[in-house]
Amino acid sequence: PTVTCSPASGSTFAIGTTTVNCEATDAAGNKATGSFKVTVQDTTKPDITDVPSDITEEATGPSGAVATYTNPKASDLVDGTVSVSCLPVSGSTFALGETTVNCEATDAHNNKATASFKVTVQDTAGPVLSLPANITTTATSNSKATVNFTATANDVVDGSRPVNCTPASGTLFSAGTTTVNCSSTDSRGNTSNGSFTVTVNFGWSGFFRPVDNPDTVNSVKAG
């Protein structure tokens, strides 16, 4: 006898388990039945695409820097477009150093796909120096003057940093123009340099002792 089954061989079976019922009838009308199951499962994870390339940002403060990115996309064989979630999320503040962003997409049958990329926050900028403007002063002794000044530095990550200047504040500067070179280094070894000048002039009012210079006796040109 002919055996017929429903659904027939070659049918498209839905996801899940379907019972196929079969039947055969002989010429005398005797009927026999049997069945089996067809199970269609989804074990394929989504396909994640458009994963961002590794990102490098410059630190904007002690806590690091904000990094933004576009979430990857994911497509599933059964579900079509699947949402992707990433942690830390775009727009988070990333600490100095390297952070791995982990992304995940899960379909309706709990098949999970993952992808990742890295965000690196670096500090390559030296402290910002605040130096005096060029200084001009008058000698207080035969040819020198003591000059005091203030130089400061602030780093975007470390905050206030010490400043080293040569010659130092409080030095006795000789007559003429001297360049003061200053530098400051942050905790990651980034150094900033700057300079200003100190000019010491003579306040001419005659000869220094022991030579007296009464106007009625001597005529002097200081050049």
Protein backbone atom coordinates (compact mmCIF):
# COMPACT_ATOMS: atom_id res chain seq x y z
CA PRO A 1 0.00 0.00 0.00
CA THR A 2 0.93 3.64 -0.45
CA VAL A 3 2.05 5.52 2.66
CA THR A 4 1.16 9.18 2.96
CA CYS A 5 2.70 11.52 5.53
CA SER A 6 1.70 14.97 6.64
CA PRO A 7 3.56 17.28 6.52
CA ALA A 8 5.06 15.76 3.41
CA SER A 9 8.74 15.25 2.85
CA GLY A 10 10.32 18.43 1.51
CA SER A 11 8.02 20.70 3.52
CA THR A 12 9.38 23.71 5.41
CA PHE A 13 9.16 22.96 9.11
CA ALA A 14 8.84 25.72 11.67
CA ILE A 15 11.35 26.21 14.48
CA GLY A 16 10.46 23.81 17.26
CA THR A 17 9.13 20.22 17.15
CA THR A 18 6.56 19.06 14.57
CA THR A 19 4.94 15.60 14.54
CA VAL A 20 4.79 13.95 11.15
CA ASN A 21 1.77 11.58 10.93
CA CYS A 22 1.88 8.76 8.38
CA GLU A 23 -0.89 6.45 7.22
CA ALA A 24 -1.22 3.33 4.99
CA THR A 25 -4.49 1.59 3.93
CA ASP A 26 -4.65 -1.77 2.19
CA ALA A 27 -7.22 -2.91 -0.40
CA ALA A 28 -9.47 -4.30 2.30
CA GLY A 29 -9.63 -0.97 4.08
CA ASN A 30 -7.29 -1.88 6.92
CA LYS A 31 -5.49 1.27 8.10
CA ALA A 32 -2.16 1.55 9.83
CA THR A 33 -0.66 4.74 11.27
CA GLY A 34 2.71 5.82 12.54
CA SER A 35 4.46 9.04 13.42
CA PHE A 36 7.85 10.64 14.04
CA LYS A 37 9.05 14.08 15.02
CA VAL A 38 11.00 16.72 13.14
CA THR A 39 12.76 19.25 15.38
CA VAL A 40 14.13 22.47 13.85
CA GLN A 41 16.49 24.35 16.15
CA ASP A 42 18.34 27.64 16.00
CA THR A 43 21.87 27.30 17.38
CA THR A 44 23.47 29.93 15.14
CA LYS A 45 24.57 33.09 16.91
CA PRO A 46 24.07 36.54 15.35
CA ASP A 47 26.74 38.02 13.13
CA ILE A 48 28.24 41.24 14.58
CA THR A 49 29.60 43.76 12.06
CA ASP A 50 30.90 47.34 12.00
CA VAL A 51 32.88 46.91 15.23
CA PRO A 52 34.75 50.20 15.92
CA SER A 53 38.50 50.27 15.52
CA ASP A 54 40.57 50.80 18.64
CA ILE A 55 40.25 54.37 19.92
CA THR A 56 42.93 56.63 21.44
CA GLU A 57 41.98 59.75 23.40
CA GLU A 58 44.04 62.42 25.16
CA ALA A 59 43.29 62.80 28.87
CA THR A 60 41.21 65.86 29.75
CA GLY A 61 41.38 65.51 33.54
CA PRO A 62 42.48 63.28 36.42
CA SER A 63 39.67 60.81 35.69
CA GLY A 64 40.71 60.31 32.05
CA ALA A 65 38.67 61.29 29.00
CA VAL A 66 35.24 60.83 27.45
CA ALA A 67 35.18 58.49 24.44
CA THR A 68 32.28 58.17 22.02
CA TYR A 69 31.73 55.49 19.43
CA THR A 70 29.00 54.02 17.21
CA ASN A 71 27.59 50.71 18.40
CA PRO A 72 28.26 47.70 16.16
CA LYS A 73 25.43 46.15 14.14
CA ALA A 74 24.19 42.56 14.31
CA SER A 75 22.12 40.37 12.00
CA ASP A 76 20.63 37.00 12.86
CA LEU A 77 19.71 34.23 10.42
CA VAL A 78 16.28 33.81 12.03
CA ASP A 79 15.54 37.08 13.81
CA GLY A 80 17.02 39.53 11.33
CA THR A 81 18.38 42.70 12.93
CA VAL A 82 19.42 42.21 16.55
CA SER A 83 20.38 44.99 18.96
CA VAL A 84 23.95 45.22 20.25
CA SER A 85 24.87 46.44 23.74
CA CYS A 86 28.37 47.56 24.71
CA LEU A 87 30.01 48.23 28.08
CA PRO A 88 31.31 50.77 28.94
CA VAL A 89 28.71 52.62 26.91
CA SER A 90 29.57 55.32 24.39
CA GLY A 91 30.06 58.66 26.12
CA SER A 92 31.52 57.13 29.28
CA THR A 93 34.60 58.58 30.96
CA PHE A 94 37.47 56.17 30.41
CA ALA A 95 40.35 56.04 32.89
CA LEU A 96 43.97 56.57 31.91
CA GLY A 97 45.35 53.45 30.28
CA GLU A 98 43.66 50.78 28.19
CA THR A 99 40.02 49.71 28.62
CA THR A 100 38.34 46.89 26.70
CA VAL A 101 34.82 47.62 25.47
CA ASN A 102 32.83 44.38 25.32
CA CYS A 103 29.84 44.20 22.96
CA GLU A 104 27.13 41.53 22.90
CA ALA A 105 24.19 40.54 20.71
CA THR A 106 21.67 37.81 21.70
CA ASP A 107 18.94 36.41 19.46
CA ALA A 108 15.47 35.21 20.48
CA HIS A 109 16.79 31.69 21.06
CA ASN A 110 19.52 32.91 23.40
CA ASN A 111 22.38 32.46 20.96
CA LYS A 112 24.98 35.01 21.97
CA ALA A 113 27.67 36.71 19.88
CA THR A 114 30.42 38.92 21.30
CA ALA A 115 32.97 41.39 19.96
CA SER A 116 35.34 43.88 21.54
CA PHE A 117 37.64 46.81 20.90
CA LYS A 118 39.95 48.92 23.04
CA VAL A 119 39.88 52.52 24.23
CA THR A 120 43.24 53.93 25.29
CA VAL A 121 43.44 57.20 27.21
CA GLN A 122 46.91 58.71 27.18
CA ASP A 123 48.56 61.77 28.69
CA THR A 124 51.16 63.19 26.34
CA ALA A 125 50.85 66.87 27.31
CA GLY A 126 53.20 68.53 29.76
CA PRO A 127 52.08 70.95 32.47
CA VAL A 128 50.99 74.46 31.48
CA LEU A 129 53.54 77.00 32.68
CA SER A 130 52.56 80.40 34.05
CA LEU A 131 55.68 82.56 33.89
CA PRO A 132 56.26 86.25 34.59
CA ALA A 133 56.45 88.73 31.77
CA ASN A 134 59.94 89.97 30.98
CA ILE A 135 61.32 91.85 34.00
CA THR A 136 63.28 95.09 33.93
CA THR A 137 64.81 96.45 37.11
CA THR A 138 67.53 98.81 38.33
CA ALA A 139 70.79 97.75 39.91
CA THR A 140 70.81 98.23 43.65
CA SER A 141 74.55 97.77 44.03
CA ASN A 142 77.49 98.55 41.81
CA SER A 143 76.27 96.20 39.02
CA LYS A 144 73.64 93.78 40.31
CA ALA A 145 70.07 93.48 41.58
CA THR A 146 68.21 90.78 43.52
CA VAL A 147 65.11 89.74 41.54
CA ASN A 148 62.22 87.74 42.97
CA PHE A 149 59.56 86.20 40.76
CA THR A 150 56.84 83.54 40.86
CA ALA A 151 56.48 80.72 38.32
CA THR A 152 53.72 78.09 38.54
CA ALA A 153 52.59 75.05 36.52
CA ASN A 154 49.32 73.15 36.30
CA ASP A 155 48.88 69.73 34.71
CA VAL A 156 45.54 68.56 33.33
CA VAL A 157 45.92 65.24 35.17
CA ASP A 158 48.18 65.95 38.14
CA GLY A 159 47.08 69.47 39.00
CA SER A 160 49.71 71.79 40.46
CA ARG A 161 53.29 70.81 39.66
CA PRO A 162 56.64 72.24 40.85
CA VAL A 163 58.59 74.53 38.54
CA ASN A 164 62.37 74.68 38.30
CA CYS A 165 63.88 77.94 37.04
CA THR A 166 67.52 78.78 36.34
CA PRO A 167 68.58 81.27 37.64
CA ALA A 168 66.16 80.84 40.56
CA SER A 169 63.98 83.51 42.11
CA GLY A 170 65.96 85.56 44.62
CA THR A 171 69.16 85.31 42.58
CA LEU A 172 71.47 88.32 42.32
CA PHE A 173 71.28 89.21 38.61
CA SER A 174 74.15 91.04 36.94
CA ALA A 175 73.70 94.13 34.82
CA GLY A 176 72.43 93.37 31.34
CA THR A 177 69.83 90.85 30.14
CA THR A 178 69.67 87.33 31.52
CA THR A 179 67.36 84.59 30.21
CA VAL A 180 65.59 82.59 32.92
CA ASN A 181 64.78 79.05 31.73
CA CYS A 182 61.96 77.21 33.51
CA SER A 183 60.63 73.67 33.25
CA SER A 184 58.01 71.45 34.86
CA THR A 185 57.45 67.69 34.54
CA ASP A 186 54.29 65.70 35.29
CA SER A 187 54.11 62.24 36.87
CA ARG A 188 54.25 60.56 33.46
CA GLY A 189 57.44 62.31 32.42
CA ASN A 190 55.91 64.95 30.12
CA THR A 191 57.99 68.12 30.36
CA SER A 192 57.11 71.71 29.44
CA ASN A 193 59.72 74.44 29.02
CA GLY A 194 59.47 78.21 28.99
CA SER A 195 61.57 81.28 29.54
CA PHE A 196 61.55 85.00 30.23
CA THR A 197 64.24 87.65 30.57
CA VAL A 198 65.51 89.73 33.46
CA THR A 199 67.18 93.00 32.46
CA VAL A 200 69.18 94.91 35.06
CA ASN A 201 69.88 98.56 34.20
CA PHE A 202 71.98 101.14 35.94
CA GLY A 203 70.12 103.98 37.64
CA TRP A 204 72.78 106.53 36.79
CA SER A 205 73.23 109.34 39.25
CA GLY A 206 76.97 109.76 39.12
CA PHE A 207 79.99 107.75 40.12
CA PHE A 208 79.84 105.36 43.05
CA ARG A 209 82.05 106.10 45.99
CA PRO A 210 84.90 106.77 46.53
CA VAL A 211 84.53 109.08 43.53
CA ASP A 212 82.19 112.01 44.20
CA ASN A 213 80.46 113.67 41.31
CA PRO A 214 79.33 117.19 42.18
CA ASP A 215 77.63 118.64 39.12
CA THR A 216 79.71 121.78 39.27
CA VAL A 217 82.97 119.90 38.93
CA ASN A 218 82.44 116.91 36.64
CA SER A 219 80.54 116.31 33.45
CA VAL A 220 79.82 112.62 32.81
CA LYS A 221 78.15 110.71 30.04
CA ALA A 222 76.98 107.20 30.99
CA GLY A 223 76.62 105.20 27.82
